[in-house]
């Protein structure tokens, strides 16, 4: 069975741990940049959820590897510091997962 790993900041890490998820904490974007590349090559990891602030700080070459990766599946999770449009967020995740733009209506 594959692991679900979250890379996030120390403030949100306890919530993920309470849910039973493996958590790797990074206090800064630089720390996250050191953690994330190694996760792409772990055989026991199926899904990696990364704080969107950390994801935005990654270089283009690494983001390209993430886009082409079939396993582990890499997803971004909204940061606590930014308000997001939930429908837009879901649409982006669906577009990445299936390759088509699905419009979410209320």
PDB file of N, CA and C in Angstrom:
ATOM      1  N   UNK A   1       0.844  -1.177   0.000  1.00  0.00           N
ATOM      2  CA  UNK A   1       0.000   0.000   0.000  1.00  0.00           C
ATOM      3  C   UNK A   1       0.887   1.237   0.000  1.00  0.00           C
ATOM      4  N   UNK A   2       0.485   2.236  -0.757  1.00  0.00           N
ATOM      5  CA  UNK A   2       1.259   3.456  -0.877  1.00  0.00           C
ATOM      6  C   UNK A   2       0.930   4.442   0.240  1.00  0.00           C
ATOM      7  N   UNK A   3       1.906   5.280   0.568  1.00  0.00           N
ATOM      8  CA  UNK A   3       1.741   6.295   1.599  1.00  0.00           C
ATOM      9  C   UNK A   3       1.168   7.582   1.012  1.00  0.00           C
ATOM     10  N   UNK A   4       0.494   8.327   1.876  1.00  0.00           N
ATOM     11  CA  UNK A   4       0.029   9.677   1.580  1.00  0.00           C
ATOM     12  C   UNK A   4       0.891  10.594   2.429  1.00  0.00           C
ATOM     13  N   UNK A   5       1.653  11.483   1.799  1.00  0.00           N
ATOM     14  CA  UNK A   5       2.579  12.360   2.505  1.00  0.00           C
ATOM     15  C   UNK A   5       2.188  13.811   2.249  1.00  0.00           C
ATOM     16  N   UNK A   6       2.257  14.626   3.303  1.00  0.00           N
ATOM     17  CA  UNK A   6       1.963  16.051   3.191  1.00  0.00           C
ATOM     18  C   UNK A   6       3.214  16.843   3.534  1.00  0.00           C
ATOM     19  N   UNK A   7       3.533  17.820   2.693  1.00  0.00           N
ATOM     20  CA  UNK A   7       4.621  18.754   2.969  1.00  0.00           C
ATOM     21  C   UNK A   7       3.962  20.097   3.253  1.00  0.00           C
ATOM     22  N   UNK A   8       4.075  20.556   4.494  1.00  0.00           N
ATOM     23  CA  UNK A   8       3.379  21.783   4.879  1.00  0.00           C
ATOM     24  C   UNK A   8       4.135  22.528   5.964  1.00  0.00           C
ATOM     25  N   UNK A   9       3.580  23.641   6.366  1.00  0.00           N
ATOM     26  CA  UNK A   9       4.200  24.474   7.388  1.00  0.00           C
ATOM     27  C   UNK A   9       3.892  23.920   8.783  1.00  0.00           C
ATOM     28  N   UNK A  10       4.672  24.318   9.790  1.00  0.00           N
ATOM     29  CA  UNK A  10       4.480  23.789  11.148  1.00  0.00           C
ATOM     30  C   UNK A  10       3.114  24.104  11.765  1.00  0.00           C
ATOM     31  N   UNK A  11       2.446  25.148  11.308  1.00  0.00           N
ATOM     32  CA  UNK A  11       1.143  25.510  11.882  1.00  0.00           C
ATOM     33  C   UNK A  11       0.033  24.547  11.469  1.00  0.00           C
ATOM     34  N   UNK A  12       0.096  24.020  10.249  1.00  0.00           N
ATOM     35  CA  UNK A  12      -0.965  23.119   9.781  1.00  0.00           C
ATOM     36  C   UNK A  12      -0.606  21.647   9.914  1.00  0.00           C
ATOM     37  N   UNK A  13       0.632  21.351  10.200  1.00  0.00           N
ATOM     38  CA  UNK A  13       1.091  19.962  10.300  1.00  0.00           C
ATOM     39  C   UNK A  13       0.330  19.133  11.340  1.00  0.00           C
ATOM     40  N   UNK A  14       0.053  19.672  12.544  1.00  0.00           N
ATOM     41  CA  UNK A  14      -0.642  18.839  13.545  1.00  0.00           C
ATOM     42  C   UNK A  14      -2.008  18.326  13.082  1.00  0.00           C
ATOM     43  N   UNK A  15      -2.733  19.119  12.322  1.00  0.00           N
ATOM     44  CA  UNK A  15      -4.040  18.688  11.823  1.00  0.00           C
ATOM     45  C   UNK A  15      -3.928  17.483  10.898  1.00  0.00           C
ATOM     46  N   UNK A  16      -2.927  17.493  10.051  1.00  0.00           N
ATOM     47  CA  UNK A  16      -2.712  16.355   9.159  1.00  0.00           C
ATOM     48  C   UNK A  16      -2.253  15.127   9.945  1.00  0.00           C
ATOM     49  N   UNK A  17      -1.430  15.353  10.951  1.00  0.00           N
ATOM     50  CA  UNK A  17      -0.981  14.221  11.777  1.00  0.00           C
ATOM     51  C   UNK A  17      -2.161  13.586  12.508  1.00  0.00           C
ATOM     52  N   UNK A  18      -3.085  14.413  12.995  1.00  0.00           N
ATOM     53  CA  UNK A  18      -4.274  13.885  13.667  1.00  0.00           C
ATOM     54  C   UNK A  18      -5.110  13.027  12.723  1.00  0.00           C
ATOM     55  N   UNK A  19      -5.043  13.334  11.440  1.00  0.00           N
ATOM     56  CA  UNK A  19      -5.781  12.555  10.442  1.00  0.00           C
ATOM     57  C   UNK A  19      -5.037  11.280  10.052  1.00  0.00           C
ATOM     58  N   UNK A  20      -3.826  11.087  10.599  1.00  0.00           N
ATOM     59  CA  UNK A  20      -3.074   9.867  10.337  1.00  0.00           C
ATOM     60  C   UNK A  20      -2.182   9.923   9.119  1.00  0.00           C
ATOM     61  N   UNK A  21      -1.887  11.126   8.652  1.00  0.00           N
ATOM     62  CA  UNK A  21      -1.077  11.300   7.453  1.00  0.00           C
ATOM     63  C   UNK A  21       0.386  11.514   7.855  1.00  0.00           C
ATOM     64  N   UNK A  22       1.310  10.982   7.030  1.00  0.00           N
ATOM     65  CA  UNK A  22       2.724  11.274   7.234  1.00  0.00           C
ATOM     66  C   UNK A  22       2.968  12.727   6.841  1.00  0.00           C
ATOM     67  N   UNK A  23       3.623  13.478   7.715  1.00  0.00           N
ATOM     68  CA  UNK A  23       3.834  14.905   7.480  1.00  0.00           C
ATOM     69  C   UNK A  23       5.322  15.236   7.514  1.00  0.00           C
ATOM     70  N   UNK A  24       5.746  16.020   6.534  1.00  0.00           N
ATOM     71  CA  UNK A  24       7.088  16.584   6.524  1.00  0.00           C
ATOM     72  C   UNK A  24       6.929  18.095   6.649  1.00  0.00           C
ATOM     73  N   UNK A  25       7.499  18.655   7.700  1.00  0.00           N
ATOM     74  CA  UNK A  25       7.358  20.084   7.947  1.00  0.00           C
ATOM     75  C   UNK A  25       8.493  20.866   7.314  1.00  0.00           C
ATOM     76  N   UNK A  26       8.133  22.040   6.805  1.00  0.00           N
ATOM     77  CA  UNK A  26       9.115  22.981   6.285  1.00  0.00           C
ATOM     78  C   UNK A  26       8.699  24.372   6.753  1.00  0.00           C
ATOM     79  N   UNK A  27       9.595  25.042   7.423  1.00  0.00           N
ATOM     80  CA  UNK A  27       9.292  26.383   7.921  1.00  0.00           C
ATOM     81  C   UNK A  27       9.421  27.441   6.839  1.00  0.00           C
ATOM     82  N   UNK A  28      10.261  27.167   5.845  1.00  0.00           N
ATOM     83  CA  UNK A  28      10.482  28.132   4.768  1.00  0.00           C
ATOM     84  C   UNK A  28      10.375  27.437   3.410  1.00  0.00           C
ATOM     85  N   UNK A  29      10.276  28.244   2.380  1.00  0.00           N
ATOM     86  CA  UNK A  29      10.227  27.701   1.015  1.00  0.00           C
ATOM     87  C   UNK A  29      11.534  26.998   0.675  1.00  0.00           C
ATOM     88  N   UNK A  30      12.639  27.502   1.196  1.00  0.00           N
ATOM     89  CA  UNK A  30      13.939  26.876   0.935  1.00  0.00           C
ATOM     90  C   UNK A  30      14.005  25.466   1.526  1.00  0.00           C
ATOM     91  N   UNK A  31      13.463  25.283   2.723  1.00  0.00           N
ATOM     92  CA  UNK A  31      13.422  23.946   3.330  1.00  0.00           C
ATOM     93  C   UNK A  31      12.574  23.009   2.482  1.00  0.00           C
ATOM     94  N   UNK A  32      11.449  23.511   2.003  1.00  0.00           N
ATOM     95  CA  UNK A  32      10.556  22.695   1.177  1.00  0.00           C
ATOM     96  C   UNK A  32      11.239  22.285  -0.120  1.00  0.00           C
ATOM     97  N   UNK A  33      12.026  23.182  -0.710  1.00  0.00           N
ATOM     98  CA  UNK A  33      12.735  22.876  -1.954  1.00  0.00           C
ATOM     99  C   UNK A  33      13.732  21.735  -1.767  1.00  0.00           C
ATOM    100  N   UNK A  34      14.210  21.553  -0.554  1.00  0.00           N
ATOM    101  CA  UNK A  34      15.143  20.459  -0.277  1.00  0.00           C
ATOM    102  C   UNK A  34      14.398  19.139  -0.051  1.00  0.00           C
ATOM    103  N   UNK A  35      13.193  19.210   0.482  1.00  0.00           N
ATOM    104  CA  UNK A  35      12.411  18.016   0.822  1.00  0.00           C
ATOM    105  C   UNK A  35      11.721  17.413  -0.402  1.00  0.00           C
ATOM    106  N   UNK A  36      11.103  18.243  -1.218  1.00  0.00           N
ATOM    107  CA  UNK A  36      10.215  17.791  -2.287  1.00  0.00           C
ATOM    108  C   UNK A  36      10.885  16.905  -3.339  1.00  0.00           C
ATOM    109  N   UNK A  37      12.057  17.253  -3.883  1.00  0.00           N
ATOM    110  CA  UNK A  37      12.637  16.407  -4.952  1.00  0.00           C
ATOM    111  C   UNK A  37      12.838  14.946  -4.552  1.00  0.00           C
ATOM    112  N   UNK A  38      13.219  14.705  -3.317  1.00  0.00           N
ATOM    113  CA  UNK A  38      13.448  13.318  -2.899  1.00  0.00           C
ATOM    114  C   UNK A  38      12.158  12.504  -2.868  1.00  0.00           C
ATOM    115  N   UNK A  39      11.023  13.153  -2.688  1.00  0.00           N
ATOM    116  CA  UNK A  39       9.739  12.450  -2.636  1.00  0.00           C
ATOM    117  C   UNK A  39       9.326  11.899  -3.998  1.00  0.00           C
ATOM    118  N   UNK A  40       9.844  12.479  -5.066  1.00  0.00           N
ATOM    119  CA  UNK A  40       9.473  12.037  -6.409  1.00  0.00           C
ATOM    120  C   UNK A  40      10.002  10.650  -6.742  1.00  0.00           C
ATOM    121  N   UNK A  41      11.005  10.196  -5.994  1.00  0.00           N
ATOM    122  CA  UNK A  41      11.649   8.927  -6.324  1.00  0.00           C
ATOM    123  C   UNK A  41      11.430   7.838  -5.273  1.00  0.00           C
ATOM    124  N   UNK A  42      10.507   8.054  -4.334  1.00  0.00           N
ATOM    125  CA  UNK A  42      10.227   7.046  -3.318  1.00  0.00           C
ATOM    126  C   UNK A  42       9.211   6.044  -3.859  1.00  0.00           C
ATOM    127  N   UNK A  43       9.546   4.766  -3.749  1.00  0.00           N
ATOM    128  CA  UNK A  43       8.663   3.718  -4.264  1.00  0.00           C
ATOM    129  C   UNK A  43       7.422   3.493  -3.418  1.00  0.00           C
ATOM    130  N   UNK A  44       7.470   3.884  -2.148  1.00  0.00           N
ATOM    131  CA  UNK A  44       6.357   3.606  -1.252  1.00  0.00           C
ATOM    132  C   UNK A  44       5.370   4.770  -1.129  1.00  0.00           C
ATOM    133  N   UNK A  45       5.571   5.839  -1.883  1.00  0.00           N
ATOM    134  CA  UNK A  45       4.715   7.018  -1.786  1.00  0.00           C
ATOM    135  C   UNK A  45       3.784   7.082  -2.986  1.00  0.00           C
ATOM    136  N   UNK A  46       2.483   7.216  -2.715  1.00  0.00           N
ATOM    137  CA  UNK A  46       1.487   7.266  -3.780  1.00  0.00           C
ATOM    138  C   UNK A  46       0.975   8.658  -4.064  1.00  0.00           C
ATOM    139  N   UNK A  47       0.766   9.446  -2.995  1.00  0.00           N
ATOM    140  CA  UNK A  47       0.264  10.811  -3.141  1.00  0.00           C
ATOM    141  C   UNK A  47       1.082  11.737  -2.252  1.00  0.00           C
ATOM    142  N   UNK A  48       1.470  12.872  -2.814  1.00  0.00           N
ATOM    143  CA  UNK A  48       2.162  13.906  -2.045  1.00  0.00           C
ATOM    144  C   UNK A  48       1.359  15.190  -2.183  1.00  0.00           C
ATOM    145  N   UNK A  49       0.908  15.715  -1.068  1.00  0.00           N
ATOM    146  CA  UNK A  49       0.184  16.983  -1.052  1.00  0.00           C
ATOM    147  C   UNK A  49       1.144  18.047  -0.530  1.00  0.00           C
ATOM    148  N   UNK A  50       1.283  19.120  -1.297  1.00  0.00           N
ATOM    149  CA  UNK A  50       2.243  20.171  -0.961  1.00  0.00           C
ATOM    150  C   UNK A  50       1.511  21.490  -0.781  1.00  0.00           C
ATOM    151  N   UNK A  51       1.860  22.198   0.280  1.00  0.00           N
ATOM    152  CA  UNK A  51       1.341  23.530   0.521  1.00  0.00           C
ATOM    153  C   UNK A  51       1.544  24.362  -0.749  1.00  0.00           C
ATOM    154  N   UNK A  52       0.508  25.072  -1.210  1.00  0.00           N
ATOM    155  CA  UNK A  52       0.594  25.780  -2.487  1.00  0.00           C
ATOM    156  C   UNK A  52       1.648  26.875  -2.497  1.00  0.00           C
ATOM    157  N   UNK A  53       1.963  27.458  -1.348  1.00  0.00           N
ATOM    158  CA  UNK A  53       3.037  28.448  -1.301  1.00  0.00           C
ATOM    159  C   UNK A  53       4.374  27.793  -1.619  1.00  0.00           C
ATOM    160  N   UNK A  54       4.581  26.582  -1.094  1.00  0.00           N
ATOM    161  CA  UNK A  54       5.804  25.846  -1.382  1.00  0.00           C
ATOM    162  C   UNK A  54       5.847  25.429  -2.854  1.00  0.00           C
ATOM    163  N   UNK A  55       4.713  25.008  -3.367  1.00  0.00           N
ATOM    164  CA  UNK A  55       4.632  24.574  -4.761  1.00  0.00           C
ATOM    165  C   UNK A  55       4.958  25.738  -5.702  1.00  0.00           C
ATOM    166  N   UNK A  56       4.484  26.927  -5.374  1.00  0.00           N
ATOM    167  CA  UNK A  56       4.726  28.102  -6.220  1.00  0.00           C
ATOM    168  C   UNK A  56       6.195  28.510  -6.239  1.00  0.00           C
ATOM    169  N   UNK A  57       6.937  28.114  -5.230  1.00  0.00           N
ATOM    170  CA  UNK A  57       8.349  28.510  -5.152  1.00  0.00           C
ATOM    171  C   UNK A  57       9.285  27.571  -5.914  1.00  0.00           C
ATOM    172  N   UNK A  58       8.773  26.460  -6.417  1.00  0.00           N
ATOM    173  CA  UNK A  58       9.619  25.488  -7.105  1.00  0.00           C
ATOM    174  C   UNK A  58      10.043  25.995  -8.486  1.00  0.00           C
ATOM    175  N   UNK A  59      11.215  25.563  -8.924  1.00  0.00           N
ATOM    176  CA  UNK A  59      11.693  26.000 -10.234  1.00  0.00           C
ATOM    177  C   UNK A  59      10.950  25.260 -11.349  1.00  0.00           C
ATOM    178  N   UNK A  60      11.042  25.814 -12.554  1.00  0.00           N
ATOM    179  CA  UNK A  60      10.298  25.288 -13.713  1.00  0.00           C
ATOM    180  C   UNK A  60      10.667  23.849 -14.045  1.00  0.00           C
ATOM    181  N   UNK A  61      11.927  23.493 -13.895  1.00  0.00           N
ATOM    182  CA  UNK A  61      12.378  22.137 -14.222  1.00  0.00           C
ATOM    183  C   UNK A  61      11.729  21.105 -13.303  1.00  0.00           C
ATOM    184  N   UNK A  62      11.676  21.412 -12.012  1.00  0.00           N
ATOM    185  CA  UNK A  62      11.050  20.493 -11.058  1.00  0.00           C
ATOM    186  C   UNK A  62       9.538  20.429 -11.282  1.00  0.00           C
ATOM    187  N   UNK A  63       8.914  21.560 -11.574  1.00  0.00           N
ATOM    188  CA  UNK A  63       7.472  21.561 -11.848  1.00  0.00           C
ATOM    189  C   UNK A  63       7.144  20.718 -13.078  1.00  0.00           C
ATOM    190  N   UNK A  64       8.030  20.732 -14.059  1.00  0.00           N
ATOM    191  CA  UNK A  64       7.829  19.909 -15.252  1.00  0.00           C
ATOM    192  C   UNK A  64       7.899  18.421 -14.891  1.00  0.00           C
ATOM    193  N   UNK A  65       8.845  18.046 -14.030  1.00  0.00           N
ATOM    194  CA  UNK A  65       8.936  16.652 -13.576  1.00  0.00           C
ATOM    195  C   UNK A  65       7.672  16.250 -12.841  1.00  0.00           C
ATOM    196  N   UNK A  66       7.162  17.163 -12.016  1.00  0.00           N
ATOM    197  CA  UNK A  66       5.942  16.887 -11.253  1.00  0.00           C
ATOM    198  C   UNK A  66       4.769  16.676 -12.206  1.00  0.00           C
ATOM    199  N   UNK A  67       4.640  17.518 -13.225  1.00  0.00           N
ATOM    200  CA  UNK A  67       3.552  17.395 -14.189  1.00  0.00           C
ATOM    201  C   UNK A  67       3.595  16.064 -14.938  1.00  0.00           C
ATOM    202  N   UNK A  68       4.787  15.572 -15.224  1.00  0.00           N
ATOM    203  CA  UNK A  68       4.936  14.326 -15.981  1.00  0.00           C
ATOM    204  C   UNK A  68       4.890  13.086 -15.098  1.00  0.00           C
ATOM    205  N   UNK A  69       4.958  13.272 -13.805  1.00  0.00           N
ATOM    206  CA  UNK A  69       5.003  12.148 -12.875  1.00  0.00           C
ATOM    207  C   UNK A  69       3.648  11.438 -12.796  1.00  0.00           C
ATOM    208  N   UNK A  70       3.691  10.117 -12.883  1.00  0.00           N
ATOM    209  CA  UNK A  70       2.468   9.328 -12.728  1.00  0.00           C
ATOM    210  C   UNK A  70       2.333   8.811 -11.299  1.00  0.00           C
ATOM    211  N   UNK A  71       3.446   8.598 -10.670  1.00  0.00           N
ATOM    212  CA  UNK A  71       3.455   8.209  -9.265  1.00  0.00           C
ATOM    213  C   UNK A  71       4.753   8.650  -8.660  1.00  0.00           C
ATOM    214  N   UNK A  72       4.727   9.327  -7.592  1.00  0.00           N
ATOM    215  CA  UNK A  72       3.531   9.696  -6.849  1.00  0.00           C
ATOM    216  C   UNK A  72       2.748  10.822  -7.532  1.00  0.00           C
ATOM    217  N   UNK A  73       1.474  10.868  -7.211  1.00  0.00           N
ATOM    218  CA  UNK A  73       0.634  11.963  -7.682  1.00  0.00           C
ATOM    219  C   UNK A  73       0.920  13.146  -6.772  1.00  0.00           C
ATOM    220  N   UNK A  74       1.227  14.284  -7.357  1.00  0.00           N
ATOM    221  CA  UNK A  74       1.549  15.485  -6.594  1.00  0.00           C
ATOM    222  C   UNK A  74       0.387  16.456  -6.723  1.00  0.00           C
ATOM    223  N   UNK A  75      -0.151  16.889  -5.591  1.00  0.00           N
ATOM    224  CA  UNK A  75      -1.229  17.875  -5.599  1.00  0.00           C
ATOM    225  C   UNK A  75      -0.846  19.018  -4.667  1.00  0.00           C
ATOM    226  N   UNK A  76      -1.378  20.184  -4.947  1.00  0.00           N
ATOM    227  CA  UNK A  76      -1.146  21.303  -4.042  1.00  0.00           C
ATOM    228  C   UNK A  76      -2.378  21.466  -3.159  1.00  0.00           C
ATOM    229  N   UNK A  77      -2.111  21.890  -1.943  1.00  0.00           N
ATOM    230  CA  UNK A  77      -3.200  22.159  -1.003  1.00  0.00           C
ATOM    231  C   UNK A  77      -3.194  23.645  -0.689  1.00  0.00           C
ATOM    232  N   UNK A  78      -4.346  24.258  -0.581  1.00  0.00           N
ATOM    233  CA  UNK A  78      -4.405  25.702  -0.327  1.00  0.00           C
ATOM    234  C   UNK A  78      -3.689  26.071   0.972  1.00  0.00           C
ATOM    235  N   UNK A  79      -2.997  27.197   0.930  1.00  0.00           N
ATOM    236  CA  UNK A  79      -2.321  27.670   2.142  1.00  0.00           C
ATOM    237  C   UNK A  79      -3.321  28.416   3.015  1.00  0.00           C
ATOM    238  N   UNK A  80      -2.985  28.549   4.262  1.00  0.00           N
ATOM    239  CA  UNK A  80      -3.865  29.250   5.197  1.00  0.00           C
ATOM    240  C   UNK A  80      -3.855  30.752   4.972  1.00  0.00           C
ATOM    241  N   UNK A  81      -2.816  31.261   4.339  1.00  0.00           N
ATOM    242  CA  UNK A  81      -2.655  32.707   4.209  1.00  0.00           C
ATOM    243  C   UNK A  81      -3.443  33.311   3.064  1.00  0.00           C
ATOM    244  N   UNK A  82      -3.960  32.484   2.167  1.00  0.00           N
ATOM    245  CA  UNK A  82      -4.627  33.016   0.985  1.00  0.00           C
ATOM    246  C   UNK A  82      -6.035  32.454   0.861  1.00  0.00           C
ATOM    247  N   UNK A  83      -6.978  33.352   0.580  1.00  0.00           N
ATOM    248  CA  UNK A  83      -8.356  32.928   0.329  1.00  0.00           C
ATOM    249  C   UNK A  83      -8.452  32.497  -1.127  1.00  0.00           C
ATOM    250  N   UNK A  84      -9.124  31.377  -1.372  1.00  0.00           N
ATOM    251  CA  UNK A  84      -9.250  30.902  -2.749  1.00  0.00           C
ATOM    252  C   UNK A  84     -10.706  30.744  -3.132  1.00  0.00           C
ATOM    253  N   UNK A  85     -10.931  30.773  -4.418  1.00  0.00           N
ATOM    254  CA  UNK A  85     -12.242  30.457  -4.964  1.00  0.00           C
ATOM    255  C   UNK A  85     -12.293  28.933  -5.059  1.00  0.00           C
ATOM    256  N   UNK A  86     -13.127  28.322  -4.267  1.00  0.00           N
ATOM    257  CA  UNK A  86     -13.162  26.856  -4.209  1.00  0.00           C
ATOM    258  C   UNK A  86     -13.511  26.218  -5.541  1.00  0.00           C
ATOM    259  N   UNK A  87     -14.442  26.808  -6.254  1.00  0.00           N
ATOM    260  CA  UNK A  87     -14.828  26.249  -7.555  1.00  0.00           C
ATOM    261  C   UNK A  87     -13.641  26.292  -8.514  1.00  0.00           C
ATOM    262  N   UNK A  88     -12.901  27.393  -8.517  1.00  0.00           N
ATOM    263  CA  UNK A  88     -11.722  27.512  -9.374  1.00  0.00           C
ATOM    264  C   UNK A  88     -10.674  26.474  -8.997  1.00  0.00           C
ATOM    265  N   UNK A  89     -10.490  26.274  -7.717  1.00  0.00           N
ATOM    266  CA  UNK A  89      -9.509  25.293  -7.243  1.00  0.00           C
ATOM    267  C   UNK A  89      -9.888  23.881  -7.703  1.00  0.00           C
ATOM    268  N   UNK A  90     -11.151  23.526  -7.567  1.00  0.00           N
ATOM    269  CA  UNK A  90     -11.625  22.202  -7.982  1.00  0.00           C
ATOM    270  C   UNK A  90     -11.472  22.035  -9.495  1.00  0.00           C
ATOM    271  N   UNK A  91     -11.789  23.084 -10.244  1.00  0.00           N
ATOM    272  CA  UNK A  91     -11.633  23.032 -11.707  1.00  0.00           C
ATOM    273  C   UNK A  91     -10.185  22.787 -12.105  1.00  0.00           C
ATOM    274  N   UNK A  92      -9.242  23.464 -11.445  1.00  0.00           N
ATOM    275  CA  UNK A  92      -7.820  23.264 -11.753  1.00  0.00           C
ATOM    276  C   UNK A  92      -7.387  21.836 -11.446  1.00  0.00           C
ATOM    277  N   UNK A  93      -7.852  21.282 -10.322  1.00  0.00           N
ATOM    278  CA  UNK A  93      -7.495  19.910  -9.963  1.00  0.00           C
ATOM    279  C   UNK A  93      -8.072  18.913 -10.970  1.00  0.00           C
ATOM    280  N   UNK A  94      -9.313  19.119 -11.382  1.00  0.00           N
ATOM    281  CA  UNK A  94      -9.932  18.237 -12.377  1.00  0.00           C
ATOM    282  C   UNK A  94      -9.218  18.328 -13.718  1.00  0.00           C
ATOM    283  N   UNK A  95      -8.858  19.544 -14.129  1.00  0.00           N
ATOM    284  CA  UNK A  95      -8.157  19.722 -15.403  1.00  0.00           C
ATOM    285  C   UNK A  95      -6.819  19.000 -15.379  1.00  0.00           C
ATOM    286  N   UNK A  96      -6.120  19.083 -14.266  1.00  0.00           N
ATOM    287  CA  UNK A  96      -4.832  18.395 -14.164  1.00  0.00           C
ATOM    288  C   UNK A  96      -5.012  16.879 -14.154  1.00  0.00           C
ATOM    289  N   UNK A  97      -6.051  16.405 -13.479  1.00  0.00           N
ATOM    290  CA  UNK A  97      -6.259  14.965 -13.336  1.00  0.00           C
ATOM    291  C   UNK A  97      -6.724  14.301 -14.622  1.00  0.00           C
ATOM    292  N   UNK A  98      -7.635  14.946 -15.347  1.00  0.00           N
ATOM    293  CA  UNK A  98      -8.212  14.286 -16.517  1.00  0.00           C
ATOM    294  C   UNK A  98      -7.846  14.938 -17.839  1.00  0.00           C
ATOM    295  N   UNK A  99      -7.231  16.113 -17.800  1.00  0.00           N
ATOM    296  CA  UNK A  99      -6.798  16.754 -19.032  1.00  0.00           C
ATOM    297  C   UNK A  99      -7.860  17.584 -19.729  1.00  0.00           C
ATOM    298  N   UNK A 100      -9.017  17.744 -19.115  1.00  0.00           N
ATOM    299  CA  UNK A 100     -10.080  18.550 -19.693  1.00  0.00           C
ATOM    300  C   UNK A 100     -10.543  19.575 -18.678  1.00  0.00           C
ATOM    301  N   UNK A 101     -11.033  20.696 -19.214  1.00  0.00           N
ATOM    302  CA  UNK A 101     -11.552  21.737 -18.332  1.00  0.00           C
ATOM    303  C   UNK A 101     -13.019  21.459 -18.040  1.00  0.00           C
ATOM    304  N   UNK A 102     -13.345  21.208 -16.798  1.00  0.00           N
ATOM    305  CA  UNK A 102     -14.716  20.974 -16.353  1.00  0.00           C
ATOM    306  C   UNK A 102     -15.158  22.213 -15.573  1.00  0.00           C
ATOM    307  N   UNK A 103     -16.275  22.804 -15.930  1.00  0.00           N
ATOM    308  CA  UNK A 103     -16.769  23.982 -15.240  1.00  0.00           C
ATOM    309  C   UNK A 103     -17.709  23.525 -14.124  1.00  0.00           C
ATOM    310  N   UNK A 104     -17.417  23.995 -12.920  1.00  0.00           N
ATOM    311  CA  UNK A 104     -18.234  23.669 -11.754  1.00  0.00           C
ATOM    312  C   UNK A 104     -19.256  24.771 -11.577  1.00  0.00           C
ATOM    313  N   UNK A 105     -20.535  24.397 -11.604  1.00  0.00           N
ATOM    314  CA  UNK A 105     -21.605  25.384 -11.418  1.00  0.00           C
ATOM    315  C   UNK A 105     -22.266  25.166 -10.079  1.00  0.00           C
ATOM    316  N   UNK A 106     -22.746  26.239  -9.527  1.00  0.00           N
ATOM    317  CA  UNK A 106     -23.432  26.147  -8.222  1.00  0.00           C
ATOM    318  C   UNK A 106     -24.906  26.044  -8.398  1.00  0.00           C
TER     319      UNK A 106
END
